Amino acid sequence: MSKTSWKIGELASQCGITVRTLHHYHQIGLLVPSEFTEAGHRLYTKADVSKLQQILSLKQLGLSLEEIYNFIKNPNYNPMLVIQAQLEIINEQIKLKEKLRHELEQLQTLLSFNQNISADQLLKIMELIRMNEGNYLTPELVEKLRAFLNSLTEEKKLSLKKMQPLADGTQKHALQKMISK
């Protein structure tokens, strides 16, 4: 039988986050548990777990907690768009990793036969390593994100323009370029 509610420690443990994080989400109104025990302990329902998954997904995409709150409270919010964005980012990461693997396999073959390796080959590998390190956005993904942003209201665009705490400078620059157009 499927579980219908989780205590705060159980949910935190299963999601790989801290109890303190769930307390904070509750405190700021981002994720308020649907149920409480008679003793006042938090109980999270399946709907709460679904909302937590959306929060963590939006966080992974680089949104601040305030932006996540506004996103989820927006009547036009569509969780499918978040999942689609995550999948596209993961697919791009896979492509980059496959390119890096291919280049490293070629390098390995050249080295095994004591062949000369060009500086261009090494530079290409270093570029792929850099692209695999952070939250690199390909031009195609930038276009898809631009299309998504163009579908937002002016109020939401202004909110996104205020976005500061992004993990990677390249990502921040790409998003700023998209928003300013």
N, C-alpha and C. Protein backbone atom coordinates (compact mmCIF):
# COMPACT_ATOMS: atom_id res chain seq x y z
N MET A 1 0.84 -1.19 0.00
CA MET A 1 0.00 0.00 0.00
C MET A 1 0.88 1.25 0.00
N SER A 2 0.50 2.22 -0.79
CA SER A 2 1.28 3.44 -0.93
C SER A 2 1.09 4.34 0.28
N LYS A 3 2.17 4.97 0.67
CA LYS A 3 2.15 5.86 1.83
C LYS A 3 1.35 7.12 1.51
N THR A 4 0.61 7.65 2.47
CA THR A 4 -0.23 8.82 2.23
C THR A 4 0.26 10.08 2.93
N SER A 5 1.14 9.93 3.92
CA SER A 5 1.69 11.11 4.59
C SER A 5 3.08 10.79 5.14
N TRP A 6 3.87 11.86 5.26
CA TRP A 6 5.25 11.72 5.71
C TRP A 6 5.51 12.73 6.81
N LYS A 7 6.23 12.29 7.84
CA LYS A 7 6.72 13.21 8.86
C LYS A 7 7.86 14.01 8.25
N ILE A 8 8.17 15.12 8.85
CA ILE A 8 9.16 16.03 8.28
C ILE A 8 10.53 15.36 8.09
N GLY A 9 10.96 14.59 9.07
CA GLY A 9 12.26 13.91 8.97
C GLY A 9 12.27 12.87 7.86
N GLU A 10 11.17 12.14 7.72
CA GLU A 10 11.07 11.13 6.65
C GLU A 10 11.16 11.78 5.28
N LEU A 11 10.40 12.86 5.10
CA LEU A 11 10.37 13.53 3.81
C LEU A 11 11.74 14.14 3.49
N ALA A 12 12.33 14.78 4.47
CA ALA A 12 13.65 15.39 4.26
C ALA A 12 14.67 14.33 3.86
N SER A 13 14.67 13.23 4.56
CA SER A 13 15.62 12.15 4.29
C SER A 13 15.41 11.57 2.90
N GLN A 14 14.17 11.33 2.53
CA GLN A 14 13.89 10.72 1.23
C GLN A 14 14.18 11.67 0.07
N CYS A 15 14.11 12.98 0.31
CA CYS A 15 14.34 13.95 -0.75
C CYS A 15 15.78 14.45 -0.79
N GLY A 16 16.56 14.11 0.22
CA GLY A 16 17.94 14.57 0.25
C GLY A 16 18.09 16.03 0.63
N ILE A 17 17.14 16.53 1.39
CA ILE A 17 17.24 17.90 1.90
C ILE A 17 17.19 17.84 3.42
N THR A 18 17.37 18.97 4.06
CA THR A 18 17.39 18.99 5.52
C THR A 18 16.01 19.33 6.08
N VAL A 19 15.82 18.93 7.32
CA VAL A 19 14.59 19.31 8.04
C VAL A 19 14.54 20.83 8.15
N ARG A 20 15.70 21.43 8.35
CA ARG A 20 15.77 22.89 8.44
C ARG A 20 15.24 23.55 7.17
N THR A 21 15.55 22.97 6.01
CA THR A 21 15.05 23.51 4.75
C THR A 21 13.53 23.45 4.72
N LEU A 22 12.95 22.33 5.12
CA LEU A 22 11.48 22.21 5.14
C LEU A 22 10.87 23.19 6.14
N HIS A 23 11.53 23.39 7.28
CA HIS A 23 11.05 24.38 8.25
C HIS A 23 11.05 25.78 7.61
N HIS A 24 12.12 26.08 6.89
CA HIS A 24 12.24 27.39 6.23
C HIS A 24 11.15 27.56 5.18
N TYR A 25 10.94 26.53 4.34
CA TYR A 25 9.89 26.60 3.32
C TYR A 25 8.52 26.84 3.96
N HIS A 26 8.28 26.22 5.11
CA HIS A 26 7.03 26.42 5.83
C HIS A 26 6.95 27.85 6.35
N GLN A 27 8.04 28.32 6.94
CA GLN A 27 8.08 29.65 7.54
C GLN A 27 7.80 30.75 6.52
N ILE A 28 8.32 30.59 5.30
CA ILE A 28 8.11 31.63 4.28
C ILE A 28 6.85 31.40 3.45
N GLY A 29 6.11 30.33 3.75
CA GLY A 29 4.86 30.05 3.06
C GLY A 29 5.01 29.36 1.73
N LEU A 30 6.20 28.90 1.43
CA LEU A 30 6.45 28.23 0.15
C LEU A 30 5.86 26.82 0.15
N LEU A 31 6.03 26.10 1.26
CA LEU A 31 5.49 24.74 1.37
C LEU A 31 4.95 24.55 2.79
N VAL A 32 3.67 24.76 2.92
CA VAL A 32 3.00 24.59 4.20
C VAL A 32 2.39 23.19 4.21
N PRO A 33 2.73 22.38 5.20
CA PRO A 33 2.18 21.02 5.24
C PRO A 33 0.65 21.05 5.30
N SER A 34 0.05 20.07 4.65
CA SER A 34 -1.42 20.01 4.61
C SER A 34 -2.02 19.49 5.90
N GLU A 35 -1.24 18.73 6.65
CA GLU A 35 -1.78 18.13 7.86
C GLU A 35 -0.81 18.29 9.03
N PHE A 36 -1.37 18.17 10.24
CA PHE A 36 -0.57 18.20 11.46
C PHE A 36 -1.09 17.12 12.39
N THR A 37 -0.18 16.54 13.16
CA THR A 37 -0.62 15.54 14.16
C THR A 37 -1.29 16.28 15.30
N GLU A 38 -1.89 15.52 16.21
CA GLU A 38 -2.53 16.13 17.39
C GLU A 38 -1.50 16.88 18.23
N ALA A 39 -0.26 16.42 18.18
CA ALA A 39 0.81 17.07 18.93
C ALA A 39 1.39 18.28 18.18
N GLY A 40 0.89 18.56 16.98
CA GLY A 40 1.33 19.72 16.22
C GLY A 40 2.50 19.47 15.29
N HIS A 41 2.86 18.20 15.09
CA HIS A 41 3.97 17.88 14.18
C HIS A 41 3.47 17.92 12.74
N ARG A 42 4.35 18.35 11.86
CA ARG A 42 4.00 18.48 10.44
C ARG A 42 3.83 17.10 9.80
N LEU A 43 2.80 17.00 8.94
CA LEU A 43 2.60 15.82 8.11
C LEU A 43 2.41 16.30 6.68
N TYR A 44 3.21 15.74 5.79
CA TYR A 44 3.16 16.13 4.39
C TYR A 44 2.39 15.08 3.59
N THR A 45 1.47 15.54 2.75
CA THR A 45 0.65 14.65 1.93
C THR A 45 1.29 14.48 0.55
N LYS A 46 0.66 13.65 -0.27
CA LYS A 46 1.14 13.45 -1.65
C LYS A 46 1.15 14.78 -2.40
N ALA A 47 0.13 15.62 -2.19
CA ALA A 47 0.09 16.93 -2.84
C ALA A 47 1.27 17.80 -2.40
N ASP A 48 1.63 17.70 -1.12
CA ASP A 48 2.78 18.44 -0.61
C ASP A 48 4.08 17.93 -1.25
N VAL A 49 4.18 16.62 -1.40
CA VAL A 49 5.36 16.03 -2.04
C VAL A 49 5.46 16.50 -3.49
N SER A 50 4.33 16.56 -4.17
CA SER A 50 4.31 17.05 -5.55
C SER A 50 4.78 18.50 -5.61
N LYS A 51 4.32 19.31 -4.70
CA LYS A 51 4.71 20.72 -4.66
C LYS A 51 6.21 20.84 -4.35
N LEU A 52 6.72 20.00 -3.44
CA LEU A 52 8.14 20.02 -3.11
C LEU A 52 8.98 19.65 -4.33
N GLN A 53 8.52 18.69 -5.11
CA GLN A 53 9.24 18.31 -6.32
C GLN A 53 9.31 19.50 -7.27
N GLN A 54 8.24 20.24 -7.40
CA GLN A 54 8.22 21.42 -8.27
C GLN A 54 9.18 22.49 -7.75
N ILE A 55 9.19 22.68 -6.44
CA ILE A 55 10.08 23.67 -5.82
C ILE A 55 11.54 23.30 -6.10
N LEU A 56 11.88 22.03 -5.88
CA LEU A 56 13.26 21.60 -6.10
C LEU A 56 13.64 21.68 -7.57
N SER A 57 12.69 21.41 -8.45
CA SER A 57 12.95 21.52 -9.89
C SER A 57 13.22 22.97 -10.28
N LEU A 58 12.41 23.88 -9.79
CA LEU A 58 12.60 25.30 -10.10
C LEU A 58 13.91 25.81 -9.50
N LYS A 59 14.25 25.30 -8.33
CA LYS A 59 15.53 25.67 -7.71
C LYS A 59 16.69 25.22 -8.58
N GLN A 60 16.58 24.01 -9.13
CA GLN A 60 17.63 23.48 -10.00
C GLN A 60 17.79 24.35 -11.25
N LEU A 61 16.72 24.97 -11.69
CA LEU A 61 16.77 25.82 -12.87
C LEU A 61 17.35 27.21 -12.56
N GLY A 62 17.66 27.47 -11.28
CA GLY A 62 18.33 28.71 -10.91
C GLY A 62 17.43 29.79 -10.36
N LEU A 63 16.17 29.48 -10.09
CA LEU A 63 15.26 30.49 -9.55
C LEU A 63 15.47 30.65 -8.05
N SER A 64 15.29 31.87 -7.56
CA SER A 64 15.36 32.13 -6.12
C SER A 64 14.07 31.63 -5.46
N LEU A 65 14.08 31.53 -4.14
CA LEU A 65 12.88 31.07 -3.44
C LEU A 65 11.72 32.05 -3.64
N GLU A 66 12.02 33.34 -3.68
CA GLU A 66 10.97 34.33 -3.92
C GLU A 66 10.36 34.14 -5.32
N GLU A 67 11.22 33.90 -6.30
CA GLU A 67 10.72 33.69 -7.66
C GLU A 67 9.93 32.39 -7.74
N ILE A 68 10.38 31.37 -7.04
CA ILE A 68 9.65 30.10 -7.03
C ILE A 68 8.27 30.32 -6.43
N TYR A 69 8.21 31.05 -5.33
CA TYR A 69 6.93 31.34 -4.68
C TYR A 69 5.99 32.04 -5.66
N ASN A 70 6.51 33.08 -6.34
CA ASN A 70 5.69 33.82 -7.31
C ASN A 70 5.29 32.95 -8.49
N PHE A 71 6.20 32.10 -8.92
CA PHE A 71 5.94 31.20 -10.05
C PHE A 71 4.79 30.26 -9.71
N ILE A 72 4.89 29.61 -8.55
CA ILE A 72 3.90 28.60 -8.16
C ILE A 72 2.54 29.24 -7.87
N LYS A 73 2.55 30.45 -7.33
CA LYS A 73 1.29 31.13 -7.00
C LYS A 73 0.61 31.72 -8.25
N ASN A 74 1.35 31.85 -9.34
CA ASN A 74 0.81 32.41 -10.58
C ASN A 74 -0.28 31.48 -11.12
N PRO A 75 -1.47 32.00 -11.42
CA PRO A 75 -2.55 31.14 -11.93
C PRO A 75 -2.21 30.49 -13.28
N ASN A 76 -1.26 31.07 -14.02
CA ASN A 76 -0.85 30.50 -15.31
C ASN A 76 0.29 29.50 -15.17
N TYR A 77 0.71 29.23 -13.93
CA TYR A 77 1.82 28.30 -13.70
C TYR A 77 1.48 26.92 -14.25
N ASN A 78 2.43 26.35 -14.98
CA ASN A 78 2.24 25.03 -15.57
C ASN A 78 3.45 24.17 -15.21
N PRO A 79 3.29 23.20 -14.31
CA PRO A 79 4.43 22.36 -13.91
C PRO A 79 5.04 21.60 -15.08
N MET A 80 4.27 21.37 -16.12
CA MET A 80 4.80 20.66 -17.29
C MET A 80 5.94 21.45 -17.94
N LEU A 81 5.84 22.79 -17.93
CA LEU A 81 6.90 23.61 -18.50
C LEU A 81 8.20 23.46 -17.72
N VAL A 82 8.08 23.33 -16.41
CA VAL A 82 9.27 23.15 -15.57
C VAL A 82 9.92 21.82 -15.88
N ILE A 83 9.12 20.78 -15.97
CA ILE A 83 9.65 19.45 -16.29
C ILE A 83 10.29 19.46 -17.68
N GLN A 84 9.62 20.12 -18.62
CA GLN A 84 10.16 20.21 -19.97
C GLN A 84 11.51 20.93 -19.97
N ALA A 85 11.61 22.02 -19.23
CA ALA A 85 12.88 22.76 -19.15
C ALA A 85 13.96 21.91 -18.53
N GLN A 86 13.64 21.18 -17.47
CA GLN A 86 14.62 20.29 -16.84
C GLN A 86 15.09 19.22 -17.80
N LEU A 87 14.15 18.61 -18.50
CA LEU A 87 14.51 17.57 -19.46
C LEU A 87 15.41 18.11 -20.56
N GLU A 88 15.12 19.30 -21.03
CA GLU A 88 15.94 19.88 -22.09
C GLU A 88 17.35 20.17 -21.59
N ILE A 89 17.46 20.65 -20.38
CA ILE A 89 18.78 20.91 -19.81
C ILE A 89 19.55 19.61 -19.64
N ILE A 90 18.89 18.59 -19.13
CA ILE A 90 19.53 17.28 -18.95
C ILE A 90 19.95 16.70 -20.30
N ASN A 91 19.09 16.81 -21.30
CA ASN A 91 19.44 16.31 -22.64
C ASN A 91 20.66 17.03 -23.21
N GLU A 92 20.72 18.35 -22.98
CA GLU A 92 21.89 19.12 -23.44
C GLU A 92 23.15 18.67 -22.69
N GLN A 93 23.01 18.42 -21.39
CA GLN A 93 24.15 17.95 -20.60
C GLN A 93 24.64 16.59 -21.10
N ILE A 94 23.70 15.73 -21.45
CA ILE A 94 24.06 14.41 -21.98
C ILE A 94 24.81 14.55 -23.30
N LYS A 95 24.31 15.43 -24.18
CA LYS A 95 24.99 15.65 -25.47
C LYS A 95 26.42 16.15 -25.25
N LEU A 96 26.58 17.09 -24.32
CA LEU A 96 27.91 17.61 -24.03
C LEU A 96 28.83 16.53 -23.47
N LYS A 97 28.31 15.70 -22.60
CA LYS A 97 29.11 14.61 -22.04
C LYS A 97 29.48 13.59 -23.12
N GLU A 98 28.56 13.31 -24.02
CA GLU A 98 28.86 12.38 -25.12
C GLU A 98 29.94 12.94 -26.04
N LYS A 99 29.89 14.26 -26.31
CA LYS A 99 30.93 14.89 -27.14
C LYS A 99 32.28 14.80 -26.44
N LEU A 100 32.28 15.07 -25.15
CA LEU A 100 33.53 15.00 -24.39
C LEU A 100 34.07 13.57 -24.39
N ARG A 101 33.19 12.60 -24.18
CA ARG A 101 33.62 11.20 -24.19
C ARG A 101 34.24 10.84 -25.55
N HIS A 102 33.59 11.25 -26.63
CA HIS A 102 34.10 10.96 -27.98
C HIS A 102 35.50 11.56 -28.17
N GLU A 103 35.66 12.82 -27.78
CA GLU A 103 36.96 13.47 -27.93
C GLU A 103 38.03 12.80 -27.07
N LEU A 104 37.67 12.40 -25.86
CA LEU A 104 38.63 11.73 -24.98
C LEU A 104 39.00 10.34 -25.52
N GLU A 105 38.03 9.65 -26.11
CA GLU A 105 38.33 8.35 -26.72
C GLU A 105 39.30 8.51 -27.89
N GLN A 106 39.10 9.56 -28.69
CA GLN A 106 40.02 9.82 -29.79
C GLN A 106 41.42 10.16 -29.26
N LEU A 107 41.46 10.95 -28.20
CA LEU A 107 42.74 11.30 -27.59
C LEU A 107 43.43 10.06 -27.05
N GLN A 108 42.67 9.20 -26.41
CA GLN A 108 43.22 7.94 -25.88
C GLN A 108 43.81 7.09 -27.00
N THR A 109 43.10 7.00 -28.11
CA THR A 109 43.59 6.22 -29.26
C THR A 109 44.89 6.82 -29.80
N LEU A 110 44.93 8.12 -29.97
CA LEU A 110 46.14 8.77 -30.45
C LEU A 110 47.31 8.53 -29.50
N LEU A 111 47.05 8.66 -28.22
CA LEU A 111 48.12 8.44 -27.24
C LEU A 111 48.60 6.99 -27.23
N SER A 112 47.68 6.06 -27.41
CA SER A 112 48.07 4.64 -27.39
C SER A 112 48.96 4.28 -28.57
N PHE A 113 48.86 5.04 -29.67
CA PHE A 113 49.70 4.79 -30.84
C PHE A 113 50.83 5.82 -30.95
N ASN A 114 51.09 6.52 -29.86
CA ASN A 114 52.16 7.53 -29.82
C ASN A 114 52.05 8.55 -30.94
N GLN A 115 50.84 8.95 -31.26
CA GLN A 115 50.60 9.93 -32.31
C GLN A 115 50.69 11.35 -31.73
N ASN A 116 50.99 12.30 -32.60
CA ASN A 116 51.01 13.70 -32.19
C ASN A 116 49.58 14.18 -31.98
N ILE A 117 49.43 15.01 -31.00
CA ILE A 117 48.12 15.58 -30.69
C ILE A 117 48.20 17.07 -30.95
N SER A 118 47.27 17.57 -31.74
CA SER A 118 47.31 19.00 -32.09
C SER A 118 46.80 19.85 -30.93
N ALA A 119 47.25 21.08 -30.93
CA ALA A 119 46.77 22.03 -29.92
C ALA A 119 45.27 22.25 -30.08
N ASP A 120 44.77 22.23 -31.32
CA ASP A 120 43.33 22.39 -31.55
C ASP A 120 42.53 21.29 -30.88
N GLN A 121 43.03 20.05 -30.95
CA GLN A 121 42.34 18.93 -30.31
C GLN A 121 42.29 19.14 -28.80
N LEU A 122 43.41 19.56 -28.22
CA LEU A 122 43.47 19.79 -26.78
C LEU A 122 42.56 20.95 -26.37
N LEU A 123 42.55 22.01 -27.17
CA LEU A 123 41.68 23.15 -26.88
C LEU A 123 40.21 22.76 -26.95
N LYS A 124 39.87 21.92 -27.92
CA LYS A 124 38.49 21.45 -28.05
C LYS A 124 38.08 20.65 -26.81
N ILE A 125 38.98 19.79 -26.34
CA ILE A 125 38.69 18.99 -25.13
C ILE A 125 38.55 19.90 -23.92
N MET A 126 39.43 20.89 -23.80
CA MET A 126 39.34 21.81 -22.66
C MET A 126 38.03 22.60 -22.70
N GLU A 127 37.60 23.00 -23.89
CA GLU A 127 36.33 23.71 -24.01
C GLU A 127 35.17 22.81 -23.58
N LEU A 128 35.20 21.56 -24.02
CA LEU A 128 34.13 20.62 -23.63
C LEU A 128 34.14 20.35 -22.13
N ILE A 129 35.33 20.29 -21.55
CA ILE A 129 35.42 20.11 -20.09
C ILE A 129 34.78 21.29 -19.39
N ARG A 130 35.11 22.49 -19.84
CA ARG A 130 34.53 23.70 -19.24
C ARG A 130 33.01 23.70 -19.37
N MET A 131 32.53 23.33 -20.54
CA MET A 131 31.09 23.31 -20.78
C MET A 131 30.40 22.27 -19.91
N ASN A 132 31.10 21.19 -19.57
CA ASN A 132 30.52 20.14 -18.73
C ASN A 132 30.59 20.46 -17.25
N GLU A 133 31.41 21.44 -16.87
CA GLU A 133 31.58 21.76 -15.45
C GLU A 133 30.40 22.48 -14.84
N GLY A 134 29.82 23.42 -15.54
CA GLY A 134 28.80 24.26 -14.95
C GLY A 134 27.45 24.08 -15.59
N ASN A 135 26.70 25.13 -15.50
CA ASN A 135 25.34 25.15 -16.05
C ASN A 135 25.36 25.81 -17.41
N TYR A 136 26.14 25.25 -18.32
CA TYR A 136 26.28 25.81 -19.66
C TYR A 136 24.97 25.68 -20.43
N LEU A 137 24.58 26.76 -21.09
CA LEU A 137 23.36 26.74 -21.91
C LEU A 137 23.76 26.85 -23.38
N THR A 138 23.30 25.90 -24.19
CA THR A 138 23.58 25.93 -25.62
C THR A 138 22.72 27.01 -26.28
N PRO A 139 23.11 27.46 -27.47
CA PRO A 139 22.28 28.46 -28.17
C PRO A 139 20.84 27.98 -28.40
N GLU A 140 20.66 26.69 -28.67
CA GLU A 140 19.32 26.16 -28.89
C GLU A 140 18.47 26.29 -27.63
N LEU A 141 19.07 25.97 -26.48
CA LEU A 141 18.33 26.06 -25.23
C LEU A 141 18.05 27.52 -24.89
N VAL A 142 18.97 28.41 -25.19
CA VAL A 142 18.75 29.83 -24.98
C VAL A 142 17.54 30.28 -25.79
N GLU A 143 17.42 29.81 -27.03
CA GLU A 143 16.27 30.17 -27.87
C GLU A 143 14.96 29.66 -27.27
N LYS A 144 14.97 28.43 -26.77
CA LYS A 144 13.76 27.88 -26.16
C LYS A 144 13.38 28.66 -24.91
N LEU A 145 14.38 29.03 -24.11
CA LEU A 145 14.11 29.83 -22.92
C LEU A 145 13.60 31.22 -23.31
N ARG A 146 14.16 31.78 -24.39
CA ARG A 146 13.70 33.09 -24.86
C ARG A 146 12.23 33.01 -25.26
N ALA A 147 11.85 31.95 -25.96
CA ALA A 147 10.45 31.79 -26.36
C ALA A 147 9.56 31.69 -25.13
N PHE A 148 10.02 30.96 -24.12
CA PHE A 148 9.26 30.84 -22.88
C PHE A 148 9.10 32.20 -22.22
N LEU A 149 10.21 32.96 -22.15
CA LEU A 149 10.16 34.27 -21.52
C LEU A 149 9.24 35.22 -22.27
N ASN A 150 9.23 35.12 -23.59
CA ASN A 150 8.36 35.99 -24.38
C ASN A 150 6.89 35.70 -24.13
N SER A 151 6.59 34.52 -23.64
CA SER A 151 5.20 34.18 -23.35
C SER A 151 4.76 34.68 -21.98
N LEU A 152 5.70 35.22 -21.19
CA LEU A 152 5.37 35.70 -19.86
C LEU A 152 4.82 37.12 -19.90
N THR A 153 4.12 37.47 -18.84
CA THR A 153 3.60 38.83 -18.71
C THR A 153 4.75 39.79 -18.43
N GLU A 154 4.52 41.08 -18.67
CA GLU A 154 5.55 42.09 -18.42
C GLU A 154 5.94 42.11 -16.94
N GLU A 155 4.97 41.90 -16.06
CA GLU A 155 5.24 41.88 -14.62
C GLU A 155 6.21 40.76 -14.26
N LYS A 156 6.00 39.59 -14.83
CA LYS A 156 6.89 38.46 -14.55
C LYS A 156 8.27 38.70 -15.16
N LYS A 157 8.33 39.32 -16.34
CA LYS A 157 9.63 39.64 -16.95
C LYS A 157 10.42 40.57 -16.04
N LEU A 158 9.74 41.57 -15.46
CA LEU A 158 10.42 42.48 -14.54
C LEU A 158 10.94 41.73 -13.32
N SER A 159 10.16 40.79 -12.83
CA SER A 159 10.58 39.98 -11.70
C SER A 159 11.82 39.16 -12.05
N LEU A 160 11.85 38.58 -13.26
CA LEU A 160 13.00 37.78 -13.67
C LEU A 160 14.23 38.64 -13.91
N LYS A 161 14.04 39.89 -14.33
CA LYS A 161 15.18 40.79 -14.54
C LYS A 161 15.95 41.01 -13.24
N LYS A 162 15.25 40.91 -12.12
CA LYS A 162 15.87 41.12 -10.81
C LYS A 162 16.65 39.90 -10.35
N MET A 163 16.61 38.82 -11.11
CA MET A 163 17.27 37.58 -10.72
C MET A 163 18.78 37.81 -10.64
N GLN A 164 19.35 37.60 -9.46
CA GLN A 164 20.78 37.79 -9.28
C GLN A 164 21.52 36.49 -8.96
N PRO A 165 21.07 35.69 -8.01
CA PRO A 165 21.92 34.59 -7.54
C PRO A 165 21.90 33.37 -8.45
N LEU A 166 22.54 33.47 -9.61
CA LEU A 166 22.66 32.32 -10.49
C LEU A 166 24.02 31.67 -10.26
N ALA A 167 24.08 30.38 -10.40
CA ALA A 167 25.29 29.63 -10.09
C ALA A 167 26.44 29.92 -11.04
N ASP A 168 26.16 30.27 -12.28
CA ASP A 168 27.19 30.36 -13.29
C ASP A 168 27.09 31.67 -14.05
N GLY A 169 28.21 32.34 -14.25
CA GLY A 169 28.22 33.61 -14.95
C GLY A 169 27.74 33.50 -16.38
N THR A 170 28.08 32.43 -17.05
CA THR A 170 27.64 32.21 -18.43
C THR A 170 26.12 32.11 -18.48
N GLN A 171 25.55 31.36 -17.54
CA GLN A 171 24.10 31.21 -17.49
C GLN A 171 23.44 32.55 -17.18
N LYS A 172 24.02 33.30 -16.23
CA LYS A 172 23.46 34.59 -15.87
C LYS A 172 23.47 35.52 -17.07
N HIS A 173 24.58 35.56 -17.79
CA HIS A 173 24.71 36.42 -18.96
C HIS A 173 23.69 36.03 -20.04
N ALA A 174 23.56 34.73 -20.28
CA ALA A 174 22.62 34.25 -21.30
C ALA A 174 21.19 34.62 -20.93
N LEU A 175 20.82 34.45 -19.67
CA LEU A 175 19.47 34.79 -19.24
C LEU A 175 19.24 36.30 -19.30
N GLN A 176 20.24 37.10 -18.95
CA GLN A 176 20.09 38.55 -19.02
C GLN A 176 19.89 38.98 -20.46
N LYS A 177 20.63 38.38 -21.40
CA LYS A 177 20.47 38.71 -22.82
C LYS A 177 19.06 38.36 -23.29
N MET A 178 18.55 37.19 -22.85
CA MET A 178 17.21 36.77 -23.27
C MET A 178 16.16 37.73 -22.74
N ILE A 179 16.29 38.12 -21.48
CA ILE A 179 15.29 38.94 -20.84
C ILE A 179 15.29 40.34 -21.44
N SER A 180 16.46 40.86 -21.79
CA SER A 180 16.55 42.22 -22.29
C SER A 180 16.02 42.39 -23.70
N LYS A 181 15.83 41.30 -24.44
CA LYS A 181 15.33 41.40 -25.81
C LYS A 181 13.83 41.50 -25.85
